[in-house]
Amino acid sequence: MERKSKVVPGKTSLADQELCDICRDKSGVRDARIICPSDVATAAWVRLKCQFGCDGYGQCLVCPPFTPSPEQMRTVLDAYHRAILIHFAADADVKATVADLERSIFLRGAWKTFSLGAGPCYFCRKCSVEDRKCRHPERAAHRWKRVE
């Protein structure tokens, strides 16, 4: 029997306003806006900034050199038709909130939901870099890499 579906692969029925409202309802979120992923810049200098400007370089699986290259990241971003830019209050638990938002939006049918941000992961006291296996991939795996 042929299965008929009205859902287009990679598309969700969540409207832009609904996505923004989901974000704005979270504690610590000041605003959320839909942006075009093609407007997100990627650049090679970011990896160098991490390598020569951060004493944590190479010590976290969600930071360079373990993250996608600028070219790989551009390819990923180009696979999306929209993104959500979220503005947080200074005292907000950004990483936990974004991880929760990602799961919530995913469970509403946005299967390609994936979050990005800046800075290292804090879900473990010490990252398992030696094993190259994240202990919390559902919350941290490449979610917090810098867009290079």
Protein backbone atom coordinates (compact mmCIF):
# COMPACT_ATOMS: atom_id res chain seq x y z
CA MET A 1 0.00 0.00 0.00
CA GLU A 2 1.40 3.38 -0.99
CA ARG A 3 1.70 5.79 1.89
CA LYS A 4 0.49 9.31 1.24
CA SER A 5 1.80 12.16 3.32
CA LYS A 6 1.22 15.88 3.14
CA VAL A 7 4.38 16.59 5.11
CA VAL A 8 7.23 17.81 2.95
CA PRO A 9 10.57 16.34 4.09
CA GLY A 10 12.58 18.98 5.91
CA LYS A 11 9.56 21.26 6.39
CA THR A 12 7.53 21.78 9.52
CA SER A 13 4.04 23.05 10.03
CA LEU A 14 5.25 25.44 12.75
CA ALA A 15 4.76 29.02 11.65
CA ASP A 16 7.49 31.62 12.19
CA GLN A 17 5.42 33.39 14.84
CA GLU A 18 4.77 30.12 16.67
CA LEU A 19 8.49 29.32 16.76
CA CYS A 20 9.28 32.77 18.14
CA ASP A 21 6.51 32.47 20.75
CA ILE A 22 7.86 29.10 21.92
CA CYS A 23 11.23 30.76 22.48
CA ARG A 24 9.86 33.89 24.12
CA ASP A 25 7.92 31.78 26.62
CA LYS A 26 11.19 30.46 28.10
CA SER A 27 12.66 32.10 31.17
CA GLY A 28 15.52 34.44 30.36
CA VAL A 29 14.55 34.98 26.71
CA ARG A 30 14.16 38.65 25.86
CA ASP A 31 13.36 38.27 22.17
CA ALA A 32 13.43 35.82 19.27
CA ARG A 33 13.44 36.57 15.56
CA ILE A 34 13.40 34.50 12.41
CA ILE A 35 16.43 35.12 10.18
CA CYS A 36 17.63 33.67 6.90
CA PRO A 37 20.46 31.14 7.40
CA SER A 38 22.21 32.54 4.32
CA ASP A 39 22.69 35.77 6.32
CA VAL A 40 24.84 33.91 8.89
CA ALA A 41 28.50 34.53 8.11
CA THR A 42 31.09 31.78 8.33
CA ALA A 43 34.81 32.54 8.34
CA ALA A 44 38.14 30.77 8.74
CA TRP A 45 39.47 33.36 11.19
CA VAL A 46 37.16 32.10 13.95
CA ARG A 47 39.07 28.83 14.29
CA LEU A 48 42.34 30.79 14.55
CA LYS A 49 40.81 33.05 17.20
CA CYS A 50 39.96 29.94 19.22
CA GLN A 51 43.34 28.32 18.60
CA PHE A 52 45.42 31.35 19.57
CA GLY A 53 43.02 33.23 21.84
CA CYS A 54 41.47 30.56 24.07
CA ASP A 55 43.27 28.45 26.67
CA GLY A 56 40.54 25.82 26.25
CA TYR A 57 41.38 25.10 22.60
CA GLY A 58 41.33 21.35 21.93
CA GLN A 59 39.91 20.58 25.38
CA CYS A 60 36.20 20.37 24.51
CA LEU A 61 34.55 18.24 21.82
CA VAL A 62 32.13 21.00 20.89
CA CYS A 63 34.88 23.53 20.15
CA PRO A 64 37.60 23.67 17.49
CA PRO A 65 39.43 21.65 16.33
CA PHE A 66 36.60 19.11 16.78
CA THR A 67 33.92 21.19 15.07
CA PRO A 68 33.02 21.46 11.37
CA SER A 69 35.17 23.59 9.08
CA PRO A 70 33.76 26.89 7.77
CA GLU A 71 32.96 25.17 4.48
CA GLN A 72 31.16 22.30 6.21
CA MET A 73 29.21 24.74 8.37
CA ARG A 74 28.17 26.76 5.32
CA THR A 75 26.83 23.56 3.73
CA VAL A 76 24.85 22.78 6.89
CA LEU A 77 23.39 26.29 7.12
CA ASP A 78 22.45 26.23 3.44
CA ALA A 79 20.28 23.16 4.12
CA TYR A 80 17.90 25.32 6.20
CA HIS A 81 15.30 27.85 5.03
CA ARG A 82 15.04 29.71 8.35
CA ALA A 83 16.80 30.14 11.67
CA ILE A 84 15.86 31.64 15.02
CA LEU A 85 18.10 34.27 16.58
CA ILE A 86 17.47 34.45 20.33
CA HIS A 87 18.36 37.34 22.63
CA PHE A 88 18.83 36.34 26.27
CA ALA A 89 18.95 38.30 29.50
CA ALA A 90 22.44 38.55 30.98
CA ASP A 91 21.65 36.16 33.84
CA ALA A 92 19.89 33.50 31.71
CA ASP A 93 21.05 29.89 31.58
CA VAL A 94 21.50 30.12 27.82
CA LYS A 95 22.93 26.69 27.06
CA ALA A 96 20.39 24.72 29.08
CA THR A 97 17.52 26.83 27.75
CA VAL A 98 18.59 26.41 24.13
CA ALA A 99 19.05 22.65 24.59
CA ASP A 100 15.51 22.48 26.03
CA LEU A 101 14.14 24.63 23.20
CA GLU A 102 15.81 22.46 20.61
CA ARG A 103 14.17 19.35 22.04
CA SER A 104 10.78 21.04 22.41
CA ILE A 105 10.78 22.32 18.82
CA PHE A 106 12.02 18.96 17.53
CA LEU A 107 9.16 17.15 19.30
CA ARG A 108 6.69 19.50 17.58
CA GLY A 109 7.79 18.13 14.21
CA ALA A 110 10.77 20.28 13.24
CA TRP A 111 13.07 17.29 12.75
CA LYS A 112 16.03 19.30 11.46
CA THR A 113 16.15 21.49 14.57
CA PHE A 114 19.75 22.10 15.58
CA SER A 115 21.16 24.83 17.80
CA LEU A 116 24.43 26.72 17.60
CA GLY A 117 26.08 29.14 19.95
CA ALA A 118 29.38 30.43 21.23
CA GLY A 119 31.63 29.16 23.97
CA PRO A 120 32.48 25.78 25.41
CA CYS A 121 30.03 23.24 26.76
CA TYR A 122 29.57 23.07 30.53
CA PHE A 123 27.53 19.89 30.89
CA CYS A 124 30.59 17.95 32.17
CA ARG A 125 33.34 19.04 34.53
CA LYS A 126 35.92 17.58 32.15
CA CYS A 127 35.22 16.75 28.53
CA SER A 128 36.02 13.21 27.36
CA VAL A 129 38.30 14.47 24.56
CA GLU A 130 40.58 11.43 24.90
CA ASP A 131 37.68 9.06 24.13
CA ARG A 132 36.24 11.42 21.49
CA LYS A 133 32.78 10.48 22.75
CA CYS A 134 30.47 13.11 24.22
CA ARG A 135 28.75 12.04 27.46
CA HIS A 136 25.73 14.26 26.72
CA PRO A 137 25.27 14.30 22.93
CA GLU A 138 21.55 15.03 23.23
CA ARG A 139 22.36 18.32 24.96
CA ALA A 140 25.82 19.33 23.85
CA ALA A 141 27.15 17.66 20.72
CA HIS A 142 28.26 20.49 18.46
CA ARG A 143 25.44 22.64 19.75
CA TRP A 144 27.75 25.23 21.16
CA LYS A 145 30.39 25.53 18.49
CA ARG A 146 31.23 28.84 17.04
CA VAL A 147 30.07 29.43 13.49
CA GLU A 148 33.37 29.46 11.69
